[in-house]
Amino acid sequence: MTGPQRRTQLVDVGRGLFAAKGLDGTTIEEIAAAAGVSKPVIYEHFGSKEGLYTQVVDHEFTILLHSITSALAAEAKPRVLVERAALALLGYIEERTDGFRILMRDAPPSQPEGAFSTLLSNVTARVEHILSDEFARRGFSAQDGAMYAQMLVGMVAMTGQWWQDARQPDKHTVAAHLVNLAWNGLTGLKKDPELLDG
């Protein structure tokens, strides 16, 4: 195996073990045995178990962020962009369940605030930019756009966490319901909302 092939193999093996057992529950010996290599090979490529874990997280983070930002980058109406973003997240969860479990679990040393939190911050900034046009068109405050972006991304993220294990209904149905709640709620937004009880 070439060096790059070995690194890819170790990242794949590490992803499966880290998803099942977490960072602390996985030993370097288990990784070496599953990959059919000696422990020094892992140290040579990654320096430590934590180094391998960081590579796994960075790889998954890049894949998911690219998927979602690509979905949000194309020209489309805001509702279609929300649909695409929801489907991008659910599609990633469906295709890379182990990766999503890792992003949700332990923070790597390189991202002490957590990989998923970092990802959500990046996506929220993009959603805020998209919502700003819609909010301006409706005469809403730009500051409110930032808050609504947090709400929208949070709603999609929490639904994704639930769907990771539920898997029913299918991702298209889940995305349709997400957009139904988000969009139909948005169409009835009041400029100065008030609580009825409080």
Protein backbone atom coordinates (compact mmCIF):
# COMPACT_ATOMS: atom_id res chain seq x y z
CA MET A 1 0.00 0.00 0.00
CA THR A 2 1.26 3.50 -0.78
CA GLY A 3 1.47 6.10 1.99
CA PRO A 4 -1.70 7.94 0.88
CA GLN A 5 -3.58 4.64 0.51
CA ARG A 6 -2.53 3.62 4.03
CA ARG A 7 -3.66 7.00 5.45
CA THR A 8 -7.04 6.60 3.74
CA GLN A 9 -7.37 3.07 5.09
CA LEU A 10 -6.53 4.18 8.63
CA VAL A 11 -8.99 7.08 8.44
CA ASP A 12 -11.73 4.68 7.27
CA VAL A 13 -10.96 2.14 10.01
CA GLY A 14 -10.73 4.90 12.62
CA ARG A 15 -14.07 6.38 11.52
CA GLY A 16 -15.87 3.07 12.10
CA LEU A 17 -14.30 2.48 15.52
CA PHE A 18 -14.67 6.08 16.72
CA ALA A 19 -18.32 6.09 15.63
CA ALA A 20 -19.01 2.89 17.57
CA LYS A 21 -16.95 3.57 20.71
CA GLY A 22 -16.01 7.24 20.78
CA LEU A 23 -12.54 8.70 21.12
CA ASP A 24 -11.95 7.57 24.70
CA GLY A 25 -13.47 4.12 24.15
CA THR A 26 -11.23 3.28 21.20
CA THR A 27 -7.66 2.13 21.73
CA ILE A 28 -4.72 2.49 19.39
CA GLU A 29 -4.35 -1.31 19.60
CA GLU A 30 -7.89 -1.81 18.28
CA ILE A 31 -7.25 0.55 15.38
CA ALA A 32 -4.00 -1.22 14.51
CA ALA A 33 -5.59 -4.67 14.70
CA ALA A 34 -8.60 -3.65 12.58
CA ALA A 35 -6.29 -2.13 9.97
CA GLY A 36 -3.86 -5.06 10.05
CA VAL A 37 -0.89 -2.84 10.91
CA SER A 38 1.38 -2.28 13.88
CA LYS A 39 0.88 0.66 16.26
CA PRO A 40 4.01 2.45 14.97
CA VAL A 41 2.37 2.74 11.53
CA ILE A 42 -0.46 4.79 13.07
CA TYR A 43 2.02 6.94 14.98
CA GLU A 44 4.04 7.45 11.79
CA HIS A 45 1.00 8.75 9.90
CA PHE A 46 -0.89 10.63 12.61
CA GLY A 47 1.37 11.00 15.66
CA SER A 48 -1.31 9.69 18.06
CA LYS A 49 -4.82 8.35 18.37
CA GLU A 50 -5.99 11.95 18.82
CA GLY A 51 -4.16 12.90 15.62
CA LEU A 52 -6.05 10.22 13.72
CA TYR A 53 -9.31 11.29 15.33
CA THR A 54 -8.68 14.91 14.30
CA GLN A 55 -8.09 13.78 10.72
CA VAL A 56 -11.34 11.78 10.73
CA VAL A 57 -13.30 14.76 12.10
CA ASP A 58 -11.70 17.21 9.67
CA HIS A 59 -12.48 14.91 6.75
CA GLU A 60 -16.14 14.47 7.73
CA PHE A 61 -16.50 18.16 8.58
CA THR A 62 -15.22 19.11 5.10
CA ILE A 63 -17.58 16.69 3.34
CA LEU A 64 -20.67 17.87 5.24
CA LEU A 65 -19.82 21.58 5.03
CA HIS A 66 -19.20 21.29 1.28
CA SER A 67 -22.49 19.45 0.79
CA ILE A 68 -24.53 22.06 2.64
CA THR A 69 -22.76 25.14 1.28
CA SER A 70 -23.07 23.76 -2.26
CA ALA A 71 -26.79 23.34 -1.69
CA LEU A 72 -27.01 26.96 -0.52
CA ALA A 73 -24.71 28.42 -3.19
CA ALA A 74 -26.83 27.96 -6.31
CA GLU A 75 -29.29 30.67 -7.31
CA ALA A 76 -32.78 29.76 -6.17
CA LYS A 77 -35.70 31.14 -4.19
CA PRO A 78 -35.20 31.05 -0.40
CA ARG A 79 -37.71 28.23 0.05
CA VAL A 80 -35.86 26.02 -2.46
CA LEU A 81 -32.57 26.78 -0.71
CA VAL A 82 -34.05 25.64 2.62
CA GLU A 83 -35.22 22.42 0.92
CA ARG A 84 -31.79 21.82 -0.59
CA ALA A 85 -29.98 22.44 2.70
CA ALA A 86 -32.28 20.08 4.61
CA LEU A 87 -31.81 17.38 1.96
CA ALA A 88 -28.04 17.91 1.97
CA LEU A 89 -27.86 17.28 5.72
CA LEU A 90 -30.22 14.30 5.62
CA GLY A 91 -28.38 12.86 2.61
CA TYR A 92 -25.06 13.13 4.45
CA ILE A 93 -26.57 11.40 7.49
CA GLU A 94 -27.95 8.63 5.28
CA GLU A 95 -24.70 8.07 3.37
CA ARG A 96 -22.15 8.75 6.14
CA THR A 97 -23.85 7.77 9.38
CA ASP A 98 -20.55 6.97 11.10
CA GLY A 99 -19.20 10.38 10.16
CA PHE A 100 -22.28 12.13 11.53
CA ARG A 101 -22.08 10.18 14.80
CA ILE A 102 -18.48 11.36 15.20
CA LEU A 103 -19.31 14.98 14.41
CA MET A 104 -22.04 14.86 17.05
CA ARG A 105 -19.94 13.20 19.74
CA ASP A 106 -16.47 14.22 20.88
CA ALA A 107 -14.72 17.50 20.13
CA PRO A 108 -11.25 17.00 18.64
CA PRO A 109 -8.34 18.94 20.13
CA SER A 110 -8.31 21.19 17.04
CA GLN A 111 -11.94 22.24 17.63
CA PRO A 112 -12.58 22.38 21.39
CA GLU A 113 -15.97 23.96 20.82
CA GLY A 114 -17.02 20.87 18.83
CA ALA A 115 -17.00 20.06 15.14
CA PHE A 116 -20.76 20.14 14.76
CA SER A 117 -21.03 23.49 16.55
CA THR A 118 -18.36 24.91 14.24
CA LEU A 119 -20.19 23.52 11.23
CA LEU A 120 -23.50 25.00 12.38
CA SER A 121 -21.87 28.40 12.87
CA ASN A 122 -20.55 28.33 9.29
CA VAL A 123 -23.90 27.25 7.87
CA THR A 124 -25.79 29.81 9.99
CA ALA A 125 -23.66 32.62 8.57
CA ARG A 126 -24.58 31.50 5.04
CA VAL A 127 -28.27 31.16 5.91
CA GLU A 128 -28.24 34.61 7.52
CA HIS A 129 -26.95 36.06 4.26
CA ILE A 130 -29.72 34.31 2.32
CA LEU A 131 -32.43 35.41 4.75
CA SER A 132 -31.25 39.02 4.70
CA ASP A 133 -32.65 39.57 1.20
CA GLU A 134 -35.99 38.04 2.15
CA PHE A 135 -36.12 40.06 5.36
CA ALA A 136 -35.22 43.30 3.57
CA ARG A 137 -37.96 42.66 1.02
CA ARG A 138 -40.47 42.33 3.87
CA GLY A 139 -39.17 45.36 5.77
CA PHE A 140 -37.77 43.32 8.65
CA SER A 141 -34.65 44.18 10.66
CA ALA A 142 -31.28 42.80 9.58
CA GLN A 143 -30.51 41.94 13.22
CA ASP A 144 -33.61 39.77 13.29
CA GLY A 145 -32.26 37.89 10.26
CA ALA A 146 -29.31 36.65 12.33
CA MET A 147 -31.62 35.36 15.04
CA TYR A 148 -33.95 33.64 12.56
CA ALA A 149 -30.97 32.02 10.84
CA GLN A 150 -30.02 30.45 14.21
CA MET A 151 -33.58 29.18 14.65
CA LEU A 152 -33.82 27.73 11.16
CA VAL A 153 -30.44 25.99 11.26
CA GLY A 154 -31.16 24.70 14.77
CA MET A 155 -34.47 23.24 13.65
CA VAL A 156 -32.85 21.41 10.74
CA ALA A 157 -29.90 20.22 12.87
CA MET A 158 -32.07 18.86 15.68
CA THR A 159 -34.29 17.07 13.18
CA GLY A 160 -31.19 15.56 11.60
CA GLN A 161 -30.03 14.27 14.98
CA TRP A 162 -33.40 12.63 15.55
CA TRP A 163 -33.53 11.19 12.02
CA GLN A 164 -30.04 9.69 12.38
CA ASP A 165 -31.61 6.88 14.41
CA ALA A 166 -35.28 7.03 13.40
CA ARG A 167 -34.81 6.83 9.60
CA GLN A 168 -38.58 6.95 9.15
CA PRO A 169 -40.07 8.56 7.21
CA ASP A 170 -37.63 8.83 4.30
CA LYS A 171 -35.39 11.91 3.94
CA HIS A 172 -37.57 13.56 1.27
CA THR A 173 -40.64 13.37 3.49
CA VAL A 174 -38.71 14.69 6.49
CA ALA A 175 -37.31 17.55 4.41
CA ALA A 176 -40.79 18.38 3.12
CA HIS A 177 -42.13 18.60 6.67
CA LEU A 178 -39.18 20.72 7.78
CA VAL A 179 -39.77 23.17 4.96
CA ASN A 180 -43.51 23.11 5.61
CA LEU A 181 -42.95 24.24 9.19
CA ALA A 182 -40.18 26.69 8.39
CA TRP A 183 -41.73 28.22 5.30
CA ASN A 184 -45.34 28.35 6.28
CA GLY A 185 -44.23 29.81 9.56
CA LEU A 186 -42.16 32.39 7.69
CA THR A 187 -45.05 33.42 5.45
CA GLY A 188 -47.08 34.41 8.49
CA LEU A 189 -44.28 36.23 10.35
CA LYS A 190 -45.27 39.36 12.19
CA LYS A 191 -42.84 42.26 12.15
CA ASP A 192 -43.02 42.71 15.94
CA PRO A 193 -44.07 39.36 17.43
CA GLU A 194 -45.34 39.16 20.99
CA LEU A 195 -45.95 36.26 23.33
CA LEU A 196 -49.58 35.69 24.22
CA ASP A 197 -48.71 34.60 27.74
CA GLY A 198 -45.99 36.77 29.19
